[in-house]
């Protein structure tokens, strides 16, 4: 096997907390120029915009700006800042819970994505934190769904990234979630839900299928009142949408879920009824410092605090 070569460092700085896009040209192809390849590869940008970026020197190779007529160079790298589409600002704060020389822990609000993906780029926790705290090398130790609020961990130094990400990959982080969902008197709790979850690329909803279980969640009822329950969820695995799918499968879908049991399409500026799921706490032994850590969210779930206000779609006040 041919060894994978490490990509060179980007010659362009971050812009507002965002890294430049990096593309590696194919080893072979029919293109006479770099411009021809980019026009084929990036139809969403369009040939006219690519031409303008080349004229302005906004597309850069290892030796500087790429000329409009630069010949196609197999295996070469190019970088540029992708023009951003307007995004609806997420009007809720991102609170820092802890910071040392290695680790940053924050309390993420609902609706804010952890990292850039799809139509959410600038309005993400990673980009906000890089820009606000002046930490260009900041990277996520793990990810939390955009619709889920609560504790998220970021790594400050690149050399520590593998150690912290390894905690999650090796299931050495004890995680606890909180959810608000309907109360079912006949549902026997606590219980342990095990199932096989599959998530197909490009499909919004994951699904449970027959086969060897690859997901496991402990579900407990903390308290109930007026037809609602406040649940404690302990995931023992980390499949996409695992908690939401398991709660729906028990007949108590989490309030505000736009996917389970039925897929809906709320407007991007609708912040009135957030998913009532909170990453309440994480607990682990720090792989770099050896310290024992437990970080707890300071947020609460609106539907439990005041169900009438949450049901009316009254967005919680920023701050």
C-alpha atoms as a PDB file:
ATOM      1  CA  UNK A   1       0.000   0.000   0.000  1.00  0.00           C
ATOM      2  CA  UNK A   2       1.181   3.490  -0.815  1.00  0.00           C
ATOM      3  CA  UNK A   3       1.600   5.620   2.288  1.00  0.00           C
ATOM      4  CA  UNK A   4      -0.742   8.565   2.570  1.00  0.00           C
ATOM      5  CA  UNK A   5       1.199  11.823   2.413  1.00  0.00           C
ATOM      6  CA  UNK A   6       0.426  14.496   4.959  1.00  0.00           C
ATOM      7  CA  UNK A   7      -1.198  17.621   3.567  1.00  0.00           C
ATOM      8  CA  UNK A   8       0.947  20.770   3.781  1.00  0.00           C
ATOM      9  CA  UNK A   9      -0.139  23.602   6.096  1.00  0.00           C
ATOM     10  CA  UNK A  10      -2.608  26.077   4.675  1.00  0.00           C
ATOM     11  CA  UNK A  11      -0.982  29.222   3.205  1.00  0.00           C
ATOM     12  CA  UNK A  12      -4.180  31.190   3.925  1.00  0.00           C
ATOM     13  CA  UNK A  13      -5.152  32.296   7.445  1.00  0.00           C
ATOM     14  CA  UNK A  14      -8.505  31.587   9.026  1.00  0.00           C
ATOM     15  CA  UNK A  15     -11.243  34.086   8.284  1.00  0.00           C
ATOM     16  CA  UNK A  16     -13.577  34.793  11.178  1.00  0.00           C
ATOM     17  CA  UNK A  17     -12.685  31.459  12.774  1.00  0.00           C
ATOM     18  CA  UNK A  18     -13.136  29.490   9.540  1.00  0.00           C
ATOM     19  CA  UNK A  19     -10.345  27.481   7.918  1.00  0.00           C
ATOM     20  CA  UNK A  20      -9.876  27.829   4.173  1.00  0.00           C
ATOM     21  CA  UNK A  21     -11.161  25.024   1.980  1.00  0.00           C
ATOM     22  CA  UNK A  22      -8.384  22.645   0.951  1.00  0.00           C
ATOM     23  CA  UNK A  23      -8.610  20.633  -2.277  1.00  0.00           C
ATOM     24  CA  UNK A  24      -6.165  18.073  -3.620  1.00  0.00           C
ATOM     25  CA  UNK A  25      -6.132  17.774  -7.387  1.00  0.00           C
ATOM     26  CA  UNK A  26      -6.481  14.242  -8.841  1.00  0.00           C
ATOM     27  CA  UNK A  27      -3.412  12.342  -9.982  1.00  0.00           C
ATOM     28  CA  UNK A  28      -4.723  12.310 -13.532  1.00  0.00           C
ATOM     29  CA  UNK A  29      -7.523  13.756 -15.599  1.00  0.00           C
ATOM     30  CA  UNK A  30      -8.480  15.473 -18.853  1.00  0.00           C
ATOM     31  CA  UNK A  31      -8.126  19.062 -17.620  1.00  0.00           C
ATOM     32  CA  UNK A  32      -5.636  21.421 -19.255  1.00  0.00           C
ATOM     33  CA  UNK A  33      -5.711  23.958 -16.410  1.00  0.00           C
ATOM     34  CA  UNK A  34      -6.443  24.122 -12.692  1.00  0.00           C
ATOM     35  CA  UNK A  35      -9.341  26.401 -13.582  1.00  0.00           C
ATOM     36  CA  UNK A  36     -10.931  23.752 -15.809  1.00  0.00           C
ATOM     37  CA  UNK A  37     -10.761  21.171 -13.022  1.00  0.00           C
ATOM     38  CA  UNK A  38     -12.243  23.515 -10.421  1.00  0.00           C
ATOM     39  CA  UNK A  39     -15.088  24.465 -12.746  1.00  0.00           C
ATOM     40  CA  UNK A  40     -15.945  20.758 -13.143  1.00  0.00           C
ATOM     41  CA  UNK A  41     -15.454  19.910  -9.490  1.00  0.00           C
ATOM     42  CA  UNK A  42     -17.269  22.879  -7.955  1.00  0.00           C
ATOM     43  CA  UNK A  43     -20.394  23.461 -10.061  1.00  0.00           C
ATOM     44  CA  UNK A  44     -22.147  25.052  -7.079  1.00  0.00           C
ATOM     45  CA  UNK A  45     -19.621  27.915  -7.166  1.00  0.00           C
ATOM     46  CA  UNK A  46     -19.959  28.375 -10.921  1.00  0.00           C
ATOM     47  CA  UNK A  47     -17.290  29.054 -13.533  1.00  0.00           C
ATOM     48  CA  UNK A  48     -17.795  32.839 -13.404  1.00  0.00           C
ATOM     49  CA  UNK A  49     -17.068  33.018  -9.665  1.00  0.00           C
ATOM     50  CA  UNK A  50     -14.071  30.696 -10.000  1.00  0.00           C
ATOM     51  CA  UNK A  51     -12.681  32.941 -12.762  1.00  0.00           C
ATOM     52  CA  UNK A  52     -13.174  36.003 -10.563  1.00  0.00           C
ATOM     53  CA  UNK A  53     -11.461  34.353  -7.591  1.00  0.00           C
ATOM     54  CA  UNK A  54      -8.502  33.375  -9.762  1.00  0.00           C
ATOM     55  CA  UNK A  55      -8.174  36.911 -11.134  1.00  0.00           C
ATOM     56  CA  UNK A  56      -8.229  38.287  -7.581  1.00  0.00           C
ATOM     57  CA  UNK A  57      -5.591  35.823  -6.348  1.00  0.00           C
ATOM     58  CA  UNK A  58      -8.106  34.268  -3.921  1.00  0.00           C
ATOM     59  CA  UNK A  59      -7.238  30.679  -4.908  1.00  0.00           C
ATOM     60  CA  UNK A  60      -3.777  29.819  -3.612  1.00  0.00           C
ATOM     61  CA  UNK A  61      -1.340  26.959  -4.092  1.00  0.00           C
ATOM     62  CA  UNK A  62       1.783  26.115  -2.139  1.00  0.00           C
ATOM     63  CA  UNK A  63       3.769  28.679  -4.118  1.00  0.00           C
ATOM     64  CA  UNK A  64       1.249  31.496  -4.060  1.00  0.00           C
ATOM     65  CA  UNK A  65      -1.859  32.578  -5.983  1.00  0.00           C
ATOM     66  CA  UNK A  66      -2.925  30.275  -8.816  1.00  0.00           C
ATOM     67  CA  UNK A  67      -2.934  32.008 -12.205  1.00  0.00           C
ATOM     68  CA  UNK A  68      -6.031  31.917 -14.395  1.00  0.00           C
ATOM     69  CA  UNK A  69      -4.144  29.860 -16.987  1.00  0.00           C
ATOM     70  CA  UNK A  70      -2.083  27.741 -14.544  1.00  0.00           C
ATOM     71  CA  UNK A  71      -1.650  24.241 -15.998  1.00  0.00           C
ATOM     72  CA  UNK A  72      -3.303  21.323 -14.258  1.00  0.00           C
ATOM     73  CA  UNK A  73      -0.866  19.894 -11.673  1.00  0.00           C
ATOM     74  CA  UNK A  74      -1.653  16.294 -10.652  1.00  0.00           C
ATOM     75  CA  UNK A  75      -1.742  15.830  -6.892  1.00  0.00           C
ATOM     76  CA  UNK A  76      -1.241  19.505  -6.077  1.00  0.00           C
ATOM     77  CA  UNK A  77      -3.139  21.296  -3.299  1.00  0.00           C
ATOM     78  CA  UNK A  78      -5.098  24.504  -3.576  1.00  0.00           C
ATOM     79  CA  UNK A  79      -6.813  26.566  -0.875  1.00  0.00           C
ATOM     80  CA  UNK A  80      -9.500  29.236  -0.906  1.00  0.00           C
ATOM     81  CA  UNK A  81     -12.192  30.729   1.283  1.00  0.00           C
ATOM     82  CA  UNK A  82     -15.599  29.605   0.079  1.00  0.00           C
ATOM     83  CA  UNK A  83     -18.138  32.431  -0.214  1.00  0.00           C
ATOM     84  CA  UNK A  84     -20.658  31.963   2.602  1.00  0.00           C
ATOM     85  CA  UNK A  85     -24.400  31.898   2.189  1.00  0.00           C
ATOM     86  CA  UNK A  86     -26.365  34.087   4.620  1.00  0.00           C
ATOM     87  CA  UNK A  87     -27.164  32.226   7.841  1.00  0.00           C
ATOM     88  CA  UNK A  88     -29.879  32.879  10.385  1.00  0.00           C
ATOM     89  CA  UNK A  89     -28.073  33.939  13.584  1.00  0.00           C
ATOM     90  CA  UNK A  90     -28.671  31.640  16.546  1.00  0.00           C
ATOM     91  CA  UNK A  91     -29.652  34.185  19.227  1.00  0.00           C
ATOM     92  CA  UNK A  92     -28.461  32.248  22.276  1.00  0.00           C
ATOM     93  CA  UNK A  93     -25.149  32.453  24.155  1.00  0.00           C
ATOM     94  CA  UNK A  94     -22.417  29.863  24.343  1.00  0.00           C
ATOM     95  CA  UNK A  95     -21.154  29.643  27.927  1.00  0.00           C
ATOM     96  CA  UNK A  96     -17.656  28.507  28.878  1.00  0.00           C
ATOM     97  CA  UNK A  97     -17.767  26.040  31.781  1.00  0.00           C
ATOM     98  CA  UNK A  98     -14.049  25.235  32.033  1.00  0.00           C
ATOM     99  CA  UNK A  99     -10.733  26.028  30.394  1.00  0.00           C
ATOM    100  CA  UNK A 100      -7.173  24.948  31.037  1.00  0.00           C
ATOM    101  CA  UNK A 101      -4.091  24.672  28.839  1.00  0.00           C
ATOM    102  CA  UNK A 102      -5.460  21.591  27.056  1.00  0.00           C
ATOM    103  CA  UNK A 103      -9.233  21.546  27.275  1.00  0.00           C
ATOM    104  CA  UNK A 104     -12.196  23.853  26.730  1.00  0.00           C
ATOM    105  CA  UNK A 105     -15.664  22.817  27.916  1.00  0.00           C
ATOM    106  CA  UNK A 106     -18.771  24.792  26.951  1.00  0.00           C
ATOM    107  CA  UNK A 107     -22.507  24.750  27.551  1.00  0.00           C
ATOM    108  CA  UNK A 108     -23.998  24.755  24.043  1.00  0.00           C
ATOM    109  CA  UNK A 109     -27.480  26.171  23.395  1.00  0.00           C
ATOM    110  CA  UNK A 110     -30.125  24.461  21.299  1.00  0.00           C
ATOM    111  CA  UNK A 111     -30.014  25.151  17.526  1.00  0.00           C
ATOM    112  CA  UNK A 112     -26.260  25.824  17.410  1.00  0.00           C
ATOM    113  CA  UNK A 113     -24.288  23.207  15.467  1.00  0.00           C
ATOM    114  CA  UNK A 114     -21.034  21.991  17.016  1.00  0.00           C
ATOM    115  CA  UNK A 115     -18.968  22.182  13.813  1.00  0.00           C
ATOM    116  CA  UNK A 116     -19.515  23.508  10.269  1.00  0.00           C
ATOM    117  CA  UNK A 117     -21.680  21.249   8.158  1.00  0.00           C
ATOM    118  CA  UNK A 118     -24.171  21.807   5.364  1.00  0.00           C
ATOM    119  CA  UNK A 119     -25.890  25.182   5.639  1.00  0.00           C
ATOM    120  CA  UNK A 120     -24.538  25.798   9.164  1.00  0.00           C
ATOM    121  CA  UNK A 121     -21.009  27.181   8.875  1.00  0.00           C
ATOM    122  CA  UNK A 122     -20.378  30.482  10.624  1.00  0.00           C
ATOM    123  CA  UNK A 123     -23.209  29.873  13.092  1.00  0.00           C
ATOM    124  CA  UNK A 124     -21.474  26.978  14.841  1.00  0.00           C
ATOM    125  CA  UNK A 125     -19.888  26.541  18.242  1.00  0.00           C
ATOM    126  CA  UNK A 126     -16.420  25.837  16.832  1.00  0.00           C
ATOM    127  CA  UNK A 127     -16.298  28.945  14.658  1.00  0.00           C
ATOM    128  CA  UNK A 128     -17.744  31.177  17.383  1.00  0.00           C
ATOM    129  CA  UNK A 129     -15.199  29.950  19.931  1.00  0.00           C
ATOM    130  CA  UNK A 130     -12.185  30.202  17.631  1.00  0.00           C
ATOM    131  CA  UNK A 131     -13.094  33.775  16.787  1.00  0.00           C
ATOM    132  CA  UNK A 132     -14.189  34.883  20.251  1.00  0.00           C
ATOM    133  CA  UNK A 133     -11.338  33.308  22.239  1.00  0.00           C
ATOM    134  CA  UNK A 134      -8.550  33.660  19.663  1.00  0.00           C
ATOM    135  CA  UNK A 135      -7.958  29.896  19.468  1.00  0.00           C
ATOM    136  CA  UNK A 136      -7.389  29.130  15.763  1.00  0.00           C
ATOM    137  CA  UNK A 137      -6.271  25.528  16.413  1.00  0.00           C
ATOM    138  CA  UNK A 138      -9.348  24.642  18.487  1.00  0.00           C
ATOM    139  CA  UNK A 139     -10.977  21.353  17.466  1.00  0.00           C
ATOM    140  CA  UNK A 140     -13.907  19.281  18.770  1.00  0.00           C
ATOM    141  CA  UNK A 141     -13.279  16.295  21.034  1.00  0.00           C
ATOM    142  CA  UNK A 142     -16.740  15.013  20.062  1.00  0.00           C
ATOM    143  CA  UNK A 143     -19.964  16.338  18.548  1.00  0.00           C
ATOM    144  CA  UNK A 144     -23.393  17.144  19.886  1.00  0.00           C
ATOM    145  CA  UNK A 145     -26.440  17.356  17.612  1.00  0.00           C
ATOM    146  CA  UNK A 146     -27.381  20.881  16.557  1.00  0.00           C
ATOM    147  CA  UNK A 147     -30.793  20.518  18.200  1.00  0.00           C
ATOM    148  CA  UNK A 148     -29.396  19.186  21.492  1.00  0.00           C
ATOM    149  CA  UNK A 149     -28.121  21.569  24.171  1.00  0.00           C
ATOM    150  CA  UNK A 150     -25.530  20.937  26.851  1.00  0.00           C
ATOM    151  CA  UNK A 151     -21.931  20.029  27.579  1.00  0.00           C
ATOM    152  CA  UNK A 152     -19.453  19.887  24.680  1.00  0.00           C
ATOM    153  CA  UNK A 153     -15.680  19.466  24.885  1.00  0.00           C
ATOM    154  CA  UNK A 154     -13.064  21.060  22.621  1.00  0.00           C
ATOM    155  CA  UNK A 155      -9.312  20.480  22.394  1.00  0.00           C
ATOM    156  CA  UNK A 156      -7.071  23.546  22.485  1.00  0.00           C
ATOM    157  CA  UNK A 157      -3.794  22.086  21.204  1.00  0.00           C
ATOM    158  CA  UNK A 158      -3.524  19.893  18.085  1.00  0.00           C
ATOM    159  CA  UNK A 159      -1.062  17.506  19.778  1.00  0.00           C
ATOM    160  CA  UNK A 160      -3.736  16.573  22.349  1.00  0.00           C
ATOM    161  CA  UNK A 161      -6.561  16.004  19.877  1.00  0.00           C
ATOM    162  CA  UNK A 162      -6.064  12.253  19.569  1.00  0.00           C
ATOM    163  CA  UNK A 163      -5.973  11.721  23.336  1.00  0.00           C
ATOM    164  CA  UNK A 164      -9.304  13.459  23.983  1.00  0.00           C
ATOM    165  CA  UNK A 165     -11.067  12.092  20.920  1.00  0.00           C
ATOM    166  CA  UNK A 166      -9.854   8.649  21.972  1.00  0.00           C
ATOM    167  CA  UNK A 167     -11.803   8.961  25.229  1.00  0.00           C
ATOM    168  CA  UNK A 168     -15.046   8.989  23.257  1.00  0.00           C
ATOM    169  CA  UNK A 169     -13.968   6.386  20.724  1.00  0.00           C
ATOM    170  CA  UNK A 170     -13.011   3.998  23.541  1.00  0.00           C
ATOM    171  CA  UNK A 171     -16.163   4.819  25.581  1.00  0.00           C
ATOM    172  CA  UNK A 172     -14.193   6.150  28.533  1.00  0.00           C
ATOM    173  CA  UNK A 173     -16.510   9.140  29.046  1.00  0.00           C
ATOM    174  CA  UNK A 174     -19.552   8.660  31.275  1.00  0.00           C
ATOM    175  CA  UNK A 175     -22.378  10.709  29.747  1.00  0.00           C
ATOM    176  CA  UNK A 176     -25.724  11.669  31.220  1.00  0.00           C
ATOM    177  CA  UNK A 177     -28.616  13.309  29.372  1.00  0.00           C
ATOM    178  CA  UNK A 178     -31.939  14.750  30.437  1.00  0.00           C
ATOM    179  CA  UNK A 179     -35.132  14.785  28.363  1.00  0.00           C
ATOM    180  CA  UNK A 180     -38.752  15.860  28.655  1.00  0.00           C
ATOM    181  CA  UNK A 181     -41.295  13.557  27.015  1.00  0.00           C
ATOM    182  CA  UNK A 182     -44.830  12.264  27.611  1.00  0.00           C
ATOM    183  CA  UNK A 183     -45.398  10.212  30.758  1.00  0.00           C
ATOM    184  CA  UNK A 184     -46.686   6.667  30.217  1.00  0.00           C
ATOM    185  CA  UNK A 185     -47.862   5.046  33.463  1.00  0.00           C
ATOM    186  CA  UNK A 186     -47.590   1.566  31.941  1.00  0.00           C
ATOM    187  CA  UNK A 187     -43.975   1.966  30.857  1.00  0.00           C
ATOM    188  CA  UNK A 188     -41.734  -0.021  33.178  1.00  0.00           C
ATOM    189  CA  UNK A 189     -38.697   2.033  34.117  1.00  0.00           C
ATOM    190  CA  UNK A 190     -35.793   1.990  34.560  1.00  0.00           C
ATOM    191  CA  UNK A 191     -35.080  -0.080  31.484  1.00  0.00           C
ATOM    192  CA  UNK A 192     -32.216  -0.809  29.135  1.00  0.00           C
ATOM    193  CA  UNK A 193     -32.923  -0.328  25.420  1.00  0.00           C
ATOM    194  CA  UNK A 194     -30.735  -2.245  22.966  1.00  0.00           C
ATOM    195  CA  UNK A 195     -31.244  -2.185  19.200  1.00  0.00           C
ATOM    196  CA  UNK A 196     -29.489  -2.087  15.860  1.00  0.00           C
ATOM    197  CA  UNK A 197     -29.511   1.427  14.399  1.00  0.00           C
ATOM    198  CA  UNK A 198     -28.636   2.276  10.811  1.00  0.00           C
ATOM    199  CA  UNK A 199     -28.236   5.787   9.418  1.00  0.00           C
ATOM    200  CA  UNK A 200     -28.015   6.163   5.663  1.00  0.00           C
ATOM    201  CA  UNK A 201     -26.105   9.061   4.168  1.00  0.00           C
ATOM    202  CA  UNK A 202     -28.436  11.742   2.895  1.00  0.00           C
ATOM    203  CA  UNK A 203     -31.426  10.429   4.875  1.00  0.00           C
ATOM    204  CA  UNK A 204     -32.493  12.567   7.832  1.00  0.00           C
ATOM    205  CA  UNK A 205     -33.876   9.836  10.072  1.00  0.00           C
ATOM    206  CA  UNK A 206     -31.987   6.859  11.430  1.00  0.00           C
ATOM    207  CA  UNK A 207     -33.952   3.631  11.894  1.00  0.00           C
ATOM    208  CA  UNK A 208     -33.928   0.475  13.940  1.00  0.00           C
ATOM    209  CA  UNK A 209     -33.547  -2.778  12.022  1.00  0.00           C
ATOM    210  CA  UNK A 210     -33.341  -6.474  12.941  1.00  0.00           C
ATOM    211  CA  UNK A 211     -29.887  -7.752  13.801  1.00  0.00           C
ATOM    212  CA  UNK A 212     -27.153  -7.644  16.405  1.00  0.00           C
ATOM    213  CA  UNK A 213     -27.631  -4.558  18.618  1.00  0.00           C
ATOM    214  CA  UNK A 214     -25.109  -1.760  18.122  1.00  0.00           C
ATOM    215  CA  UNK A 215     -26.734   0.747  20.488  1.00  0.00           C
ATOM    216  CA  UNK A 216     -27.647   0.715  24.167  1.00  0.00           C
ATOM    217  CA  UNK A 217     -29.330   3.269  26.432  1.00  0.00           C
ATOM    218  CA  UNK A 218     -30.398   3.191  30.072  1.00  0.00           C
ATOM    219  CA  UNK A 219     -33.683   5.082  30.535  1.00  0.00           C
ATOM    220  CA  UNK A 220     -34.877   6.228  33.963  1.00  0.00           C
ATOM    221  CA  UNK A 221     -37.830   8.354  35.045  1.00  0.00           C
ATOM    222  CA  UNK A 222     -36.667  11.146  37.367  1.00  0.00           C
ATOM    223  CA  UNK A 223     -40.129  12.610  38.036  1.00  0.00           C
ATOM    224  CA  UNK A 224     -43.469  13.249  36.365  1.00  0.00           C
ATOM    225  CA  UNK A 225     -46.349  15.700  36.543  1.00  0.00           C
ATOM    226  CA  UNK A 226     -49.337  16.730  34.417  1.00  0.00           C
ATOM    227  CA  UNK A 227     -48.750  14.078  31.764  1.00  0.00           C
ATOM    228  CA  UNK A 228     -45.052  14.845  31.280  1.00  0.00           C
ATOM    229  CA  UNK A 229     -41.979  12.998  32.443  1.00  0.00           C
ATOM    230  CA  UNK A 230     -38.451  14.192  33.086  1.00  0.00           C
ATOM    231  CA  UNK A 231     -36.144  11.372  32.062  1.00  0.00           C
ATOM    232  CA  UNK A 232     -32.510  10.566  32.771  1.00  0.00           C
ATOM    233  CA  UNK A 233     -30.799   8.929  29.807  1.00  0.00           C
ATOM    234  CA  UNK A 234     -27.420   7.214  29.989  1.00  0.00           C
ATOM    235  CA  UNK A 235     -26.064   6.208  26.564  1.00  0.00           C
ATOM    236  CA  UNK A 236     -23.645   3.291  26.668  1.00  0.00           C
ATOM    237  CA  UNK A 237     -22.944   3.664  22.938  1.00  0.00           C
ATOM    238  CA  UNK A 238     -22.912   6.670  20.639  1.00  0.00           C
ATOM    239  CA  UNK A 239     -24.987   6.035  17.510  1.00  0.00           C
ATOM    240  CA  UNK A 240     -26.449   8.959  15.564  1.00  0.00           C
ATOM    241  CA  UNK A 241     -29.806  10.056  17.062  1.00  0.00           C
ATOM    242  CA  UNK A 242     -29.650   7.099  19.464  1.00  0.00           C
ATOM    243  CA  UNK A 243     -31.453   8.715  22.392  1.00  0.00           C
ATOM    244  CA  UNK A 244     -34.145  10.278  20.237  1.00  0.00           C
ATOM    245  CA  UNK A 245     -34.796   7.018  18.401  1.00  0.00           C
ATOM    246  CA  UNK A 246     -34.872   4.904  21.579  1.00  0.00           C
ATOM    247  CA  UNK A 247     -37.280   7.272  23.321  1.00  0.00           C
ATOM    248  CA  UNK A 248     -39.568   7.286  20.306  1.00  0.00           C
ATOM    249  CA  UNK A 249     -39.425   3.496  20.179  1.00  0.00           C
ATOM    250  CA  UNK A 250     -40.610   3.358  23.796  1.00  0.00           C
ATOM    251  CA  UNK A 251     -43.669   5.406  22.835  1.00  0.00           C
ATOM    252  CA  UNK A 252     -42.427   8.570  24.583  1.00  0.00           C
ATOM    253  CA  UNK A 253     -40.832  10.716  21.854  1.00  0.00           C
ATOM    254  CA  UNK A 254     -38.877  13.686  23.150  1.00  0.00           C
ATOM    255  CA  UNK A 255     -40.813  16.927  22.985  1.00  0.00           C
ATOM    256  CA  UNK A 256     -39.846  19.167  20.078  1.00  0.00           C
ATOM    257  CA  UNK A 257     -38.262  16.394  18.001  1.00  0.00           C
ATOM    258  CA  UNK A 258     -38.701  17.281  14.290  1.00  0.00           C
ATOM    259  CA  UNK A 259     -37.617  13.806  13.130  1.00  0.00           C
ATOM    260  CA  UNK A 260     -38.974  11.131  15.491  1.00  0.00           C
ATOM    261  CA  UNK A 261     -41.543   9.765  15.144  1.00  0.00           C
ATOM    262  CA  UNK A 262     -42.486  12.029  12.163  1.00  0.00           C
ATOM    263  CA  UNK A 263     -40.129  14.121  10.024  1.00  0.00           C
ATOM    264  CA  UNK A 264     -41.158  17.771   9.854  1.00  0.00           C
ATOM    265  CA  UNK A 265     -39.371  20.778   8.389  1.00  0.00           C
ATOM    266  CA  UNK A 266     -39.382  23.744  10.778  1.00  0.00           C
ATOM    267  CA  UNK A 267     -38.306  27.130   9.437  1.00  0.00           C
ATOM    268  CA  UNK A 268     -34.617  27.933  10.012  1.00  0.00           C
ATOM    269  CA  UNK A 269     -35.541  30.978  12.104  1.00  0.00           C
ATOM    270  CA  UNK A 270     -38.038  29.100  14.301  1.00  0.00           C
ATOM    271  CA  UNK A 271     -36.426  28.955  17.741  1.00  0.00           C
ATOM    272  CA  UNK A 272     -39.692  28.660  19.664  1.00  0.00           C
ATOM    273  CA  UNK A 273     -39.903  24.953  20.515  1.00  0.00           C
ATOM    274  CA  UNK A 274     -36.397  23.521  21.012  1.00  0.00           C
ATOM    275  CA  UNK A 275     -35.859  19.786  21.270  1.00  0.00           C
ATOM    276  CA  UNK A 276     -36.171  18.938  24.951  1.00  0.00           C
ATOM    277  CA  UNK A 277     -32.903  17.040  25.172  1.00  0.00           C
ATOM    278  CA  UNK A 278     -29.944  18.199  27.219  1.00  0.00           C
ATOM    279  CA  UNK A 279     -26.447  16.751  27.555  1.00  0.00           C
ATOM    280  CA  UNK A 280     -26.494  17.217  31.317  1.00  0.00           C
ATOM    281  CA  UNK A 281     -23.052  15.918  32.353  1.00  0.00           C
ATOM    282  CA  UNK A 282     -19.815  14.252  31.289  1.00  0.00           C
ATOM    283  CA  UNK A 283     -17.338  12.552  33.621  1.00  0.00           C
ATOM    284  CA  UNK A 284     -13.877  11.183  32.783  1.00  0.00           C
ATOM    285  CA  UNK A 285     -10.219  10.966  33.696  1.00  0.00           C
ATOM    286  CA  UNK A 286      -8.222  13.553  31.771  1.00  0.00           C
ATOM    287  CA  UNK A 287      -5.823  11.642  29.472  1.00  0.00           C
ATOM    288  CA  UNK A 288      -3.261  14.465  29.501  1.00  0.00           C
ATOM    289  CA  UNK A 289      -3.307  15.810  33.069  1.00  0.00           C
ATOM    290  CA  UNK A 290      -4.709  12.792  34.928  1.00  0.00           C
ATOM    291  CA  UNK A 291      -7.338  14.941  36.663  1.00  0.00           C
ATOM    292  CA  UNK A 292     -10.778  13.592  37.432  1.00  0.00           C
ATOM    293  CA  UNK A 293     -13.381  15.781  35.739  1.00  0.00           C
ATOM    294  CA  UNK A 294     -17.144  16.112  35.957  1.00  0.00           C
ATOM    295  CA  UNK A 295     -18.764  18.932  34.009  1.00  0.00           C
ATOM    296  CA  UNK A 296     -22.463  19.732  34.423  1.00  0.00           C
ATOM    297  CA  UNK A 297     -24.677  21.903  32.235  1.00  0.00           C
ATOM    298  CA  UNK A 298     -26.255  24.946  33.852  1.00  0.00           C
ATOM    299  CA  UNK A 299     -29.181  24.909  31.439  1.00  0.00           C
ATOM    300  CA  UNK A 300     -32.699  23.669  32.051  1.00  0.00           C
ATOM    301  CA  UNK A 301     -35.372  22.334  29.728  1.00  0.00           C
ATOM    302  CA  UNK A 302     -38.058  24.896  28.936  1.00  0.00           C
ATOM    303  CA  UNK A 303     -40.937  22.431  28.615  1.00  0.00           C
ATOM    304  CA  UNK A 304     -40.360  21.290  32.198  1.00  0.00           C
ATOM    305  CA  UNK A 305     -39.925  24.809  33.568  1.00  0.00           C
ATOM    306  CA  UNK A 306     -43.064  26.136  31.837  1.00  0.00           C
ATOM    307  CA  UNK A 307     -44.775  23.787  29.410  1.00  0.00           C
ATOM    308  CA  UNK A 308     -47.401  26.366  28.450  1.00  0.00           C
ATOM    309  CA  UNK A 309     -44.753  28.830  27.264  1.00  0.00           C
ATOM    310  CA  UNK A 310     -42.794  26.148  25.414  1.00  0.00           C
ATOM    311  CA  UNK A 311     -45.951  24.760  23.736  1.00  0.00           C
ATOM    312  CA  UNK A 312     -46.929  28.259  22.606  1.00  0.00           C
ATOM    313  CA  UNK A 313     -43.636  28.520  20.752  1.00  0.00           C
ATOM    314  CA  UNK A 314     -42.361  31.432  22.810  1.00  0.00           C
ATOM    315  CA  UNK A 315     -38.631  31.365  22.229  1.00  0.00           C
ATOM    316  CA  UNK A 316     -36.584  31.601  25.430  1.00  0.00           C
ATOM    317  CA  UNK A 317     -34.994  34.988  25.891  1.00  0.00           C
ATOM    318  CA  UNK A 318     -31.314  35.200  24.854  1.00  0.00           C
ATOM    319  CA  UNK A 319     -28.835  35.670  27.657  1.00  0.00           C
END
